[in-house]
Amino acid sequence: MKSKTLHKQVVYFAIINYLGTAIGIISALFIYPRDFAFSGTIKFVDNMAQMLYPIMVLGASHALIKFYPELNDEKRKQLFNYSMLSVATVSVLVLLGIFIFNTVADYKDAMLIYFAFPVGLSLAYIDLFRKQAQDLQRLAVPTLFEKIIPKVVLPLLFLLVIKNIAGVNESLFIYAISFVLIGVFIGVYLFRHFKPGFNYRFKTLFGEISRKDYFKYSLFSFTASLGSLLAFRIDGIIIYNWISEEANGIFSNGATLASTLQIPAVGMFALYAPLISNYLKDGNLTELNVKYKEVARLLFFIGAVLYSCIVLGIDDLFSLLPTGPALKQTTPIIYILGFSVLINMATGFNTEIITYSKYYRFNMIAICCLIFVNIGLNIFFLSCTELGIIGVAYASFISVTLFNILKLLFLYKKFGLLPFDVKFAKMMLLFALSGVLVYILPDSEYHLLNLVYKTGLSLLINVIAVYKLRLVYQVNVTIDKALNKLFRK
C-alpha cells in the first residue's frame, strides 16, 4: 500500500512540476526576453531570498526527515512545533541583521533585500511544511501551490511592467505577497491532514532524541543547504552586481530553460528521501544500492533524451519565434548549464544518501569546496577573460562536475556504492553515437522541418534502442503496459 501511494505521489509530483515547467518555458520563450533588465532584477530578489531562507530554517526541515522514524506520533508533532517556533525566532534575527547591514553598508539596492525578506520567510515555512507533507506522503498539493502560483504571477507582472501599468517596485511587492499566500495555502492544506496541536513544552521531546544530536545535525544541514545555495545561486548575485541586471536576465533565462531537465530528479529525490533515511537506519545497503543504480539510470535516460533534443533543435526553434534574436543570446548558457544538469542527474541521489547517513558532515566539507571553487572561477572568468556570462556558466559547470565527483568518491569509499554499471555505460555510448549521427545529417532550408525531423529521429532511435537492450527497467515496464493496452483494444 505504501509503495502504491508513493508511486501515485511520484506521478502527481511529476505532472505538477511539468505543468509548472510548461508555464515557465512559455514565459521564458515569449515574455521574459521582452525585458531582460526586469528579469535580472526579479532574479536578484529571488536569489537573495534563496540565500536568506536556509538561515531562517537553520536545518529544521532536514531534521524532520532525519528524526521522524525514531519518534512516535506525539513526539513527531512536538518536533514540528519546535521547528515552527525556531523559524519564527531566527527570522526576526535575520530581519534585524538586514537592517543593520543596510544601515552600515548603505547598499545601493537595499530595497531589493527588503523585498527578498518576506519571500525568504515564506520559503522557509514552505520548506518546513513540504518536508512534513513529505513524511505524510502528501506532497502533490503543496507542490501544486509552490510550483504553479509563482509561474502564473511572474509573467503577469512582466506584462504589467512592459505595458507600463505597474512600476518595478509595485510588481516586486505583488511578487512578495504571492509567496506569502503560497505559504498560507500550503499551511492550511497541511493542517487539514496533520494536527500538531499547541504543545510547546519540549523537554519530553529532547528526552526521546538527544538535543546535542539534533542541533549538531541541524547545524550541518543548515551549512550544507546554505553552502549549496551559495554555490548554485551566487551566479545571479555576482552577475547583477558585476555586470548588469540585463546580463543577469539573459543568464537567468538560459538557466531557467536548462533547468527544465532536472524536474524528474527533483520529484524523485524528494519522494525517495524518507526511504533512503529508512534504508540507512536499517543498514539495508543492498536494497539501497539497487535503488541507487535504478534511479540513476532512469534519470540519465530522461535527461539525455531531453538534452539531445535541446542540442539538436534549439537553434531552429529560436529561429521560428518572434523573440528569437533575444533568445539566441541564451543559447550557449543553455548548452553549458544543461550538460551540468545532466551530470547531476546521472549521479543519482548521492547527496540524499550522505545527508541521511552518519557521514552527513561530509556535505559541509564538499559544499565549502564547491563555494570556493565556484566563486574563484567566477572571479577568474569575469576579471581575466572576455567571456562574460558564458564564463559564469563555465564556472558553474566545472564546479558542479567536481562537486559530484567528490561525492561519488566518498560514497564509494564509505559504502561501496556507485550509481554506474554496465547498462549505464551502454546507455552513455548509445546517446553519444546517436547524437553525433543525427547532428551531422544535412539541414534543410526550413527551420520547422529541421526541428521536427532531427529531434524526432533522435527520440525514436534512443527510446527504441534503450527498450530493445532493456537498459532501463522503468522504460520497459511503461512501454510494455502501453503496448498491451494498445493491442488489447
Protein backbone atom coordinates (compact mmCIF):
# COMPACT_ATOMS: atom_id res chain seq x y z
CA MET A 1 0.00 0.00 0.00
CA LYS A 2 2.82 2.41 0.92
CA SER A 3 4.60 1.60 -2.34
CA LYS A 4 1.43 2.28 -4.34
CA THR A 5 0.89 5.58 -2.52
CA LEU A 6 4.50 6.58 -3.16
CA HIS A 7 4.13 5.74 -6.85
CA LYS A 8 0.99 7.88 -7.12
CA GLN A 9 2.74 10.78 -5.38
CA VAL A 10 5.68 10.49 -7.80
CA VAL A 11 3.27 10.63 -10.75
CA TYR A 12 1.30 13.59 -9.34
CA PHE A 13 4.53 15.35 -8.39
CA ALA A 14 5.89 14.93 -11.93
CA ILE A 15 2.65 16.12 -13.57
CA ILE A 16 2.50 19.26 -11.42
CA ASN A 17 6.18 20.00 -11.94
CA TYR A 18 5.87 19.59 -15.70
CA LEU A 19 2.78 21.81 -15.74
CA GLY A 20 4.73 24.48 -13.87
CA THR A 21 7.68 23.89 -16.18
CA ALA A 22 5.45 24.26 -19.27
CA ILE A 23 4.21 27.63 -18.00
CA GLY A 24 7.80 28.63 -17.19
CA ILE A 25 9.07 27.60 -20.63
CA ILE A 26 6.31 29.53 -22.42
CA SER A 27 7.12 32.60 -20.32
CA ALA A 28 10.87 32.19 -20.91
CA LEU A 29 10.33 31.92 -24.66
CA PHE A 30 7.72 34.62 -25.23
CA ILE A 31 7.58 37.05 -22.28
CA TYR A 32 10.83 37.30 -20.29
CA PRO A 33 13.04 38.12 -23.35
CA ARG A 34 10.98 41.30 -23.85
CA ASP A 35 12.55 42.88 -20.75
CA PHE A 36 15.76 41.19 -19.62
CA ALA A 37 16.50 44.10 -17.24
CA PHE A 38 13.36 43.49 -15.15
CA SER A 39 14.03 39.75 -15.39
CA GLY A 40 17.51 40.31 -13.94
CA THR A 41 16.09 42.39 -11.07
CA ILE A 42 13.48 39.74 -10.20
CA LYS A 43 16.17 37.07 -10.34
CA PHE A 44 18.37 39.06 -7.95
CA VAL A 45 15.48 39.34 -5.43
CA ASP A 46 14.79 35.61 -5.81
CA ASN A 47 18.46 34.71 -5.30
CA MET A 48 18.66 36.88 -2.18
CA ALA A 49 15.51 35.19 -0.82
CA GLN A 50 17.03 31.80 -1.55
CA MET A 51 20.09 32.84 0.47
CA LEU A 52 18.01 34.08 3.41
CA TYR A 53 15.60 31.18 3.84
CA PRO A 54 18.15 28.46 4.84
CA ILE A 55 19.32 30.79 7.59
CA MET A 56 15.71 31.10 8.80
CA VAL A 57 15.12 27.33 8.64
CA LEU A 58 18.50 26.56 10.26
CA GLY A 59 18.35 22.88 9.25
CA ALA A 60 14.99 22.25 10.97
CA SER A 61 13.28 20.86 7.86
CA HIS A 62 16.02 18.26 7.27
CA ALA A 63 15.85 17.31 10.94
CA LEU A 64 12.15 16.44 10.48
CA ILE A 65 13.13 13.80 7.92
CA LYS A 66 16.18 12.59 9.87
CA PHE A 67 14.50 12.04 13.27
CA TYR A 68 10.97 11.20 12.07
CA PRO A 69 11.49 7.37 12.06
CA GLU A 70 12.73 7.45 15.69
CA LEU A 71 9.65 9.17 17.18
CA ASN A 72 6.06 8.24 17.97
CA ASP A 73 3.15 10.39 16.74
CA GLU A 74 3.08 12.67 19.77
CA LYS A 75 6.80 13.43 19.63
CA ARG A 76 6.62 13.99 15.87
CA LYS A 77 4.07 16.73 16.49
CA GLN A 78 6.28 18.26 19.15
CA LEU A 79 9.23 18.23 16.75
CA PHE A 80 7.16 20.01 14.10
CA ASN A 81 6.03 22.66 16.61
CA TYR A 82 9.61 23.18 17.72
CA SER A 83 10.63 23.69 14.08
CA MET A 84 7.83 26.25 13.57
CA LEU A 85 8.94 28.26 16.61
CA SER A 86 12.59 28.04 15.59
CA VAL A 87 11.90 29.51 12.12
CA ALA A 88 9.93 32.41 13.62
CA THR A 89 12.67 33.25 16.13
CA VAL A 90 15.54 33.12 13.66
CA SER A 91 13.57 35.15 11.07
CA VAL A 92 13.29 38.08 13.50
CA LEU A 93 17.07 37.99 13.98
CA VAL A 94 17.59 37.87 10.19
CA LEU A 95 15.41 40.95 9.68
CA LEU A 96 17.41 42.77 12.35
CA GLY A 97 20.63 41.71 10.60
CA ILE A 98 19.36 43.07 7.25
CA PHE A 99 18.53 46.41 8.87
CA ILE A 100 22.00 46.67 10.46
CA PHE A 101 23.73 45.68 7.19
CA ASN A 102 21.86 48.26 5.14
CA THR A 103 22.48 50.96 7.78
CA VAL A 104 26.23 50.29 7.90
CA ALA A 105 26.92 49.39 4.26
CA ASP A 106 24.48 51.82 2.59
CA TYR A 107 23.93 49.27 -0.22
CA LYS A 108 22.53 50.92 -3.36
CA ASP A 109 19.84 48.25 -3.85
CA ALA A 110 18.87 47.86 -0.20
CA MET A 111 15.16 48.00 -1.06
CA LEU A 112 15.53 44.78 -3.08
CA ILE A 113 16.80 42.96 0.02
CA TYR A 114 13.73 44.09 1.95
CA PHE A 115 11.56 42.71 -0.86
CA ALA A 116 13.53 39.45 -0.59
CA PHE A 117 12.85 39.07 3.15
CA PRO A 118 9.10 38.15 3.01
CA VAL A 119 9.86 35.84 0.07
CA GLY A 120 12.61 34.14 2.11
CA LEU A 121 10.37 33.85 5.18
CA SER A 122 7.61 32.29 3.09
CA LEU A 123 10.09 29.86 1.51
CA ALA A 124 11.29 28.87 4.99
CA TYR A 125 7.80 27.86 6.12
CA ILE A 126 7.01 26.33 2.72
CA ASP A 127 10.12 24.15 3.07
CA LEU A 128 9.08 23.12 6.57
CA PHE A 129 5.50 22.34 5.52
CA ARG A 130 6.72 20.47 2.46
CA LYS A 131 9.05 18.27 4.50
CA GLN A 132 6.18 17.41 6.87
CA ALA A 133 3.91 16.66 3.90
CA GLN A 134 6.73 14.53 2.50
CA ASP A 135 6.76 12.47 5.70
CA LEU A 136 2.99 12.04 5.30
CA GLN A 137 3.46 11.22 1.59
CA ARG A 138 1.11 14.09 0.67
CA LEU A 139 3.46 16.14 -1.46
CA ALA A 140 1.34 16.66 -4.57
CA VAL A 141 -0.94 19.50 -3.38
CA PRO A 142 1.84 21.57 -1.71
CA THR A 143 3.82 21.17 -4.93
CA LEU A 144 0.82 22.44 -6.90
CA PHE A 145 0.77 25.67 -4.87
CA GLU A 146 4.55 26.08 -4.80
CA LYS A 147 5.25 25.42 -8.47
CA ILE A 148 2.20 26.86 -10.22
CA ILE A 149 1.36 30.15 -8.47
CA PRO A 150 4.80 31.82 -8.99
CA LYS A 151 4.87 30.63 -12.61
CA VAL A 152 1.50 32.34 -13.22
CA VAL A 153 2.16 35.51 -11.20
CA LEU A 154 5.61 36.28 -12.66
CA PRO A 155 4.64 36.55 -16.37
CA LEU A 156 1.62 38.66 -15.36
CA LEU A 157 3.97 41.04 -13.54
CA PHE A 158 6.16 41.23 -16.63
CA LEU A 159 3.17 42.20 -18.74
CA LEU A 160 2.20 44.88 -16.21
CA VAL A 161 5.73 46.35 -16.35
CA ILE A 162 6.04 46.07 -20.15
CA LYS A 163 2.66 47.78 -20.65
CA ASN A 164 3.60 50.48 -18.08
CA ILE A 165 0.57 49.55 -15.94
CA ALA A 166 2.76 48.99 -12.86
CA GLY A 167 6.25 50.04 -11.88
CA VAL A 168 9.10 47.79 -10.82
CA ASN A 169 8.60 48.31 -7.07
CA GLU A 170 4.85 47.70 -7.25
CA SER A 171 5.48 44.48 -9.19
CA LEU A 172 8.07 43.33 -6.67
CA PHE A 173 5.58 43.95 -3.84
CA ILE A 174 2.97 41.77 -5.59
CA TYR A 175 5.66 39.13 -6.18
CA ALA A 176 6.48 39.03 -2.45
CA ILE A 177 2.80 38.84 -1.45
CA SER A 178 2.25 35.88 -3.81
CA PHE A 179 4.82 33.83 -1.86
CA VAL A 180 3.19 34.73 1.44
CA LEU A 181 -0.12 33.43 0.05
CA ILE A 182 1.55 30.22 -1.14
CA GLY A 183 2.83 29.61 2.41
CA VAL A 184 -0.66 30.21 3.83
CA PHE A 185 -2.33 27.87 1.32
CA ILE A 186 0.18 25.06 1.93
CA GLY A 187 -0.16 25.51 5.70
CA VAL A 188 -3.96 25.28 5.53
CA TYR A 189 -3.73 22.09 3.44
CA LEU A 190 -1.13 20.51 5.74
CA PHE A 191 -3.08 21.22 8.93
CA ARG A 192 -6.14 19.53 7.47
CA HIS A 193 -4.19 16.25 7.42
CA PHE A 194 -1.79 16.84 10.29
CA LYS A 195 -2.88 18.20 13.69
CA PRO A 196 0.24 19.18 15.66
CA GLY A 197 -1.75 20.84 18.45
CA PHE A 198 -0.25 23.53 20.68
CA ASN A 199 2.22 21.56 22.75
CA TYR A 200 5.26 23.82 23.08
CA ARG A 201 6.85 22.10 26.07
CA PHE A 202 9.84 20.38 24.50
CA LYS A 203 11.56 18.68 27.45
CA THR A 204 9.90 15.34 26.72
CA LEU A 205 10.86 15.64 23.04
CA PHE A 206 14.55 16.03 23.85
CA GLY A 207 14.27 13.21 26.32
CA GLU A 208 13.46 11.00 23.32
CA ILE A 209 16.14 12.33 21.00
CA SER A 210 19.43 13.90 22.01
CA ARG A 211 19.30 17.70 21.97
CA LYS A 212 23.00 17.70 21.12
CA ASP A 213 22.49 15.34 18.16
CA TYR A 214 19.51 17.38 16.96
CA PHE A 215 21.37 20.71 16.99
CA LYS A 216 24.51 19.17 15.57
CA TYR A 217 22.58 17.63 12.67
CA SER A 218 20.54 20.81 12.11
CA LEU A 219 23.70 22.92 12.04
CA PHE A 220 25.39 20.70 9.49
CA SER A 221 22.22 20.54 7.38
CA PHE A 222 21.96 24.33 7.51
CA THR A 223 25.59 24.70 6.47
CA ALA A 224 25.11 22.28 3.59
CA SER A 225 21.87 23.97 2.44
CA LEU A 226 23.26 27.49 2.64
CA GLY A 227 26.51 26.38 1.06
CA SER A 228 24.63 24.69 -1.75
CA LEU A 229 22.69 27.87 -2.44
CA LEU A 230 25.86 29.98 -2.21
CA ALA A 231 27.42 27.61 -4.72
CA PHE A 232 24.47 27.40 -7.12
CA ARG A 233 22.70 30.75 -6.64
CA ILE A 234 25.69 33.05 -6.33
CA ASP A 235 25.75 33.49 -10.12
CA GLY A 236 22.67 35.75 -10.13
CA ILE A 237 24.10 37.96 -7.39
CA ILE A 238 27.56 38.22 -8.97
CA ILE A 239 26.24 38.99 -12.46
CA TYR A 240 23.77 41.60 -11.15
CA ASN A 241 26.47 43.48 -9.23
CA TRP A 242 29.48 42.81 -11.50
CA ILE A 243 27.93 43.20 -14.99
CA SER A 244 24.29 44.42 -15.18
CA GLU A 245 20.68 43.49 -14.45
CA GLU A 246 20.15 42.86 -18.19
CA ALA A 247 23.03 40.37 -18.31
CA ASN A 248 21.55 38.74 -15.21
CA GLY A 249 18.21 38.45 -17.02
CA ILE A 250 19.83 36.78 -20.05
CA PHE A 251 21.73 34.33 -17.85
CA SER A 252 18.67 33.53 -15.69
CA ASN A 253 16.53 32.91 -18.78
CA GLY A 254 19.08 30.44 -20.11
CA ALA A 255 19.38 28.82 -16.68
CA THR A 256 15.58 28.52 -16.46
CA LEU A 257 15.37 26.72 -19.79
CA ALA A 258 18.33 24.46 -18.91
CA SER A 259 16.89 23.58 -15.50
CA THR A 260 13.77 22.02 -17.08
CA LEU A 261 15.85 18.87 -17.50
CA GLN A 262 16.02 18.28 -13.74
CA ILE A 263 12.28 18.23 -12.95
CA PRO A 264 12.10 14.39 -12.76
CA ALA A 265 15.14 14.40 -10.46
CA VAL A 266 13.60 16.92 -8.06
CA GLY A 267 10.46 14.80 -7.69
CA MET A 268 12.28 11.53 -7.19
CA PHE A 269 14.83 12.93 -4.75
CA ALA A 270 12.09 14.49 -2.61
CA LEU A 271 9.87 11.42 -2.53
CA TYR A 272 12.64 8.85 -2.07
CA ALA A 273 14.26 10.80 0.80
CA PRO A 274 12.24 9.05 3.57
CA LEU A 275 13.01 5.64 2.01
CA ILE A 276 16.72 6.44 1.88
CA SER A 277 16.59 7.50 5.53
CA ASN A 278 14.93 4.19 6.46
CA TYR A 279 17.36 2.07 4.39
CA LEU A 280 20.31 3.70 6.15
CA LYS A 281 18.69 3.41 9.59
CA ASP A 282 18.08 -0.33 8.98
CA GLY A 283 21.52 -0.83 7.41
CA ASN A 284 19.87 -2.16 4.24
CA LEU A 285 22.65 -1.22 1.81
CA THR A 286 21.76 -3.97 -0.67
CA GLU A 287 18.32 -2.53 -1.39
CA LEU A 288 19.73 0.99 -1.32
CA ASN A 289 22.33 0.03 -3.92
CA VAL A 290 19.64 -1.39 -6.22
CA LYS A 291 17.52 1.78 -5.93
CA TYR A 292 20.59 4.00 -6.37
CA LYS A 293 21.53 2.41 -9.70
CA GLU A 294 17.93 2.07 -10.87
CA VAL A 295 17.06 5.73 -10.29
CA ALA A 296 20.39 6.95 -11.73
CA ARG A 297 19.79 5.05 -14.99
CA LEU A 298 16.24 6.33 -15.26
CA LEU A 299 17.23 9.94 -14.59
CA PHE A 300 20.14 9.78 -17.02
CA PHE A 301 17.84 8.36 -19.70
CA ILE A 302 15.27 11.14 -19.24
CA GLY A 303 17.92 13.85 -19.00
CA ALA A 304 19.87 12.59 -22.02
CA VAL A 305 16.72 12.36 -24.17
CA LEU A 306 15.77 15.94 -23.31
CA TYR A 307 19.32 17.31 -23.66
CA SER A 308 19.72 15.65 -27.06
CA CYS A 309 16.54 17.33 -28.26
CA ILE A 310 17.74 20.69 -26.94
CA VAL A 311 21.15 20.48 -28.65
CA LEU A 312 19.67 19.30 -31.95
CA GLY A 313 16.67 21.59 -32.11
CA ILE A 314 17.13 24.77 -30.10
CA ASP A 315 18.61 26.95 -32.86
CA ASP A 316 15.80 26.06 -35.25
CA LEU A 317 13.19 26.59 -32.53
CA PHE A 318 14.50 30.07 -31.66
CA SER A 319 14.57 30.99 -35.36
CA LEU A 320 10.82 30.33 -35.53
CA LEU A 321 9.92 32.60 -32.57
CA PRO A 322 9.27 36.36 -32.58
CA THR A 323 11.63 36.72 -29.59
CA GLY A 324 14.31 34.68 -31.41
CA PRO A 325 17.03 37.39 -31.64
CA ALA A 326 16.87 37.97 -27.87
CA LEU A 327 16.68 34.26 -27.08
CA LYS A 328 19.76 33.40 -29.15
CA GLN A 329 21.83 35.24 -26.53
CA THR A 330 20.89 32.46 -24.10
CA THR A 331 21.87 29.51 -26.35
CA PRO A 332 25.45 28.94 -25.04
CA ILE A 333 24.17 29.26 -21.46
CA ILE A 334 21.57 26.55 -22.13
CA TYR A 335 24.16 24.20 -23.67
CA ILE A 336 26.62 24.55 -20.78
CA LEU A 337 24.19 24.55 -17.85
CA GLY A 338 22.04 21.84 -19.48
CA PHE A 339 25.03 19.50 -19.60
CA SER A 340 25.77 20.38 -15.97
CA VAL A 341 22.21 19.37 -15.03
CA LEU A 342 22.61 16.10 -16.96
CA ILE A 343 25.74 15.22 -14.96
CA ASN A 344 23.93 15.99 -11.73
CA MET A 345 21.02 13.71 -12.72
CA ALA A 346 23.35 10.91 -13.80
CA THR A 347 24.90 10.68 -10.34
CA GLY A 348 21.55 9.88 -8.71
CA PHE A 349 20.61 10.72 -5.13
CA ASN A 350 24.17 10.81 -3.77
CA THR A 351 23.52 13.98 -1.75
CA GLU A 352 20.50 12.41 -0.05
CA ILE A 353 22.46 9.27 0.92
CA ILE A 354 25.17 11.37 2.54
CA THR A 355 22.66 13.72 4.20
CA TYR A 356 20.75 10.92 5.95
CA SER A 357 23.80 8.86 6.90
CA LYS A 358 26.14 9.23 9.87
CA TYR A 359 28.59 10.93 7.48
CA TYR A 360 26.33 13.91 6.90
CA ARG A 361 29.17 16.24 7.99
CA PHE A 362 30.92 15.47 4.70
CA ASN A 363 28.29 17.54 2.87
CA MET A 364 29.60 20.61 4.63
CA ILE A 365 33.17 19.89 3.51
CA ALA A 366 32.07 19.23 -0.09
CA ILE A 367 29.89 22.34 -0.18
CA CYS A 368 32.69 24.53 1.21
CA CYS A 369 34.98 23.26 -1.52
CA LEU A 370 32.27 23.97 -4.08
CA ILE A 371 31.77 27.54 -2.84
CA PHE A 372 35.47 28.39 -3.04
CA VAL A 373 35.86 26.78 -6.48
CA ASN A 374 32.71 28.40 -7.91
CA ILE A 375 33.37 31.90 -6.57
CA GLY A 376 37.05 31.65 -7.53
CA LEU A 377 36.20 30.55 -11.07
CA ASN A 378 33.56 33.29 -11.38
CA ILE A 379 36.11 35.93 -10.40
CA PHE A 380 38.67 34.43 -12.79
CA PHE A 381 36.34 34.29 -15.80
CA LEU A 382 34.89 37.76 -15.20
CA SER A 383 38.18 39.54 -14.44
CA CYS A 384 40.69 37.63 -16.60
CA THR A 385 38.64 36.75 -19.71
CA GLU A 386 36.14 38.41 -22.05
CA LEU A 387 33.63 35.56 -21.77
CA GLY A 388 31.17 37.46 -19.55
CA ILE A 389 28.10 35.40 -18.61
CA ILE A 390 29.39 32.46 -20.68
CA GLY A 391 32.36 32.36 -18.32
CA VAL A 392 29.96 32.30 -15.36
CA ALA A 393 28.23 29.30 -16.97
CA TYR A 394 31.59 27.52 -17.38
CA ALA A 395 32.40 28.25 -13.73
CA SER A 396 29.11 26.66 -12.67
CA PHE A 397 29.65 23.62 -14.90
CA ILE A 398 33.20 22.95 -13.65
CA SER A 399 32.15 23.41 -10.02
CA VAL A 400 29.13 21.08 -10.23
CA THR A 401 31.16 18.39 -12.02
CA LEU A 402 33.93 18.46 -9.39
CA PHE A 403 31.30 18.51 -6.63
CA ASN A 404 29.63 15.35 -7.93
CA ILE A 405 32.95 13.55 -8.47
CA LEU A 406 33.90 14.31 -4.86
CA LYS A 407 30.59 12.88 -3.55
CA LEU A 408 30.85 9.78 -5.74
CA LEU A 409 34.35 9.01 -4.47
CA PHE A 410 33.22 9.48 -0.87
CA LEU A 411 30.19 7.20 -1.25
CA TYR A 412 32.27 4.50 -2.89
CA LYS A 413 34.89 4.67 -0.14
CA LYS A 414 32.41 4.62 2.78
CA PHE A 415 29.56 2.43 1.44
CA GLY A 416 30.92 0.75 -1.70
CA LEU A 417 28.08 2.39 -3.64
CA LEU A 418 28.22 3.65 -7.22
CA PRO A 419 25.30 4.71 -9.44
CA PHE A 420 27.01 3.33 -12.55
CA ASP A 421 27.01 -0.17 -14.01
CA VAL A 422 27.42 -1.82 -17.43
CA LYS A 423 23.92 -0.82 -18.54
CA PHE A 424 24.69 2.79 -17.68
CA ALA A 425 27.88 2.69 -19.77
CA LYS A 426 25.98 1.21 -22.74
CA MET A 427 23.40 3.98 -22.48
CA MET A 428 26.10 6.68 -22.44
CA LEU A 429 27.65 5.22 -25.58
CA LEU A 430 24.25 4.96 -27.27
CA PHE A 431 23.35 8.61 -26.67
CA ALA A 432 26.80 9.83 -27.76
CA LEU A 433 26.71 7.88 -31.04
CA SER A 434 23.08 8.72 -31.88
CA GLY A 435 23.67 12.41 -31.06
CA VAL A 436 26.66 12.66 -33.42
CA LEU A 437 24.83 10.69 -36.14
CA VAL A 438 21.74 12.92 -36.12
CA TYR A 439 23.76 16.13 -35.73
CA ILE A 440 25.82 15.54 -38.92
CA LEU A 441 22.74 14.82 -41.02
CA PRO A 442 22.12 17.59 -43.59
CA ASP A 443 19.86 20.51 -42.72
CA SER A 444 17.03 21.71 -44.93
CA GLU A 445 16.28 25.40 -45.53
CA TYR A 446 13.13 25.13 -43.38
CA HIS A 447 13.63 25.51 -39.62
CA LEU A 448 10.40 23.73 -38.71
CA LEU A 449 11.34 20.67 -40.80
CA ASN A 450 14.81 20.55 -39.20
CA LEU A 451 13.32 20.82 -35.74
CA VAL A 452 10.82 18.02 -36.25
CA TYR A 453 12.96 15.53 -38.12
CA LYS A 454 16.17 15.85 -36.08
CA THR A 455 14.62 15.83 -32.61
CA GLY A 456 12.06 13.21 -33.67
CA LEU A 457 14.74 10.92 -35.12
CA SER A 458 16.92 11.27 -32.02
CA LEU A 459 13.97 10.47 -29.76
CA LEU A 460 12.98 7.45 -31.85
CA ILE A 461 16.48 5.96 -32.02
CA ASN A 462 17.21 6.35 -28.31
CA VAL A 463 13.87 5.14 -26.95
CA ILE A 464 13.76 2.07 -29.22
CA ALA A 465 17.40 1.17 -28.51
CA VAL A 466 17.01 1.53 -24.73
CA TYR A 467 13.83 -0.55 -24.85
CA LYS A 468 15.31 -3.32 -27.02
CA LEU A 469 18.51 -3.52 -24.98
CA ARG A 470 16.49 -3.41 -21.73
CA LEU A 471 18.77 -0.77 -20.24
CA VAL A 472 16.17 0.96 -18.04
CA TYR A 473 13.66 -1.20 -16.19
CA GLN A 474 11.02 1.53 -15.85
CA VAL A 475 11.13 2.28 -19.59
CA ASN A 476 10.42 -1.34 -20.48
CA VAL A 477 7.58 -1.57 -17.94
CA THR A 478 5.97 1.64 -19.24
CA ILE A 479 6.24 0.71 -22.92
CA ASP A 480 5.06 -2.87 -22.32
CA LYS A 481 1.97 -1.59 -20.49
CA ALA A 482 1.25 0.86 -23.32
CA LEU A 483 1.65 -1.86 -25.98
CA ASN A 484 -0.59 -4.27 -24.05
CA LYS A 485 -3.35 -1.68 -23.79
CA LEU A 486 -2.97 -0.78 -27.47
CA PHE A 487 -3.17 -4.34 -28.78
CA ARG A 488 -5.89 -5.28 -26.30
CA LYS A 489 -8.11 -2.72 -27.99
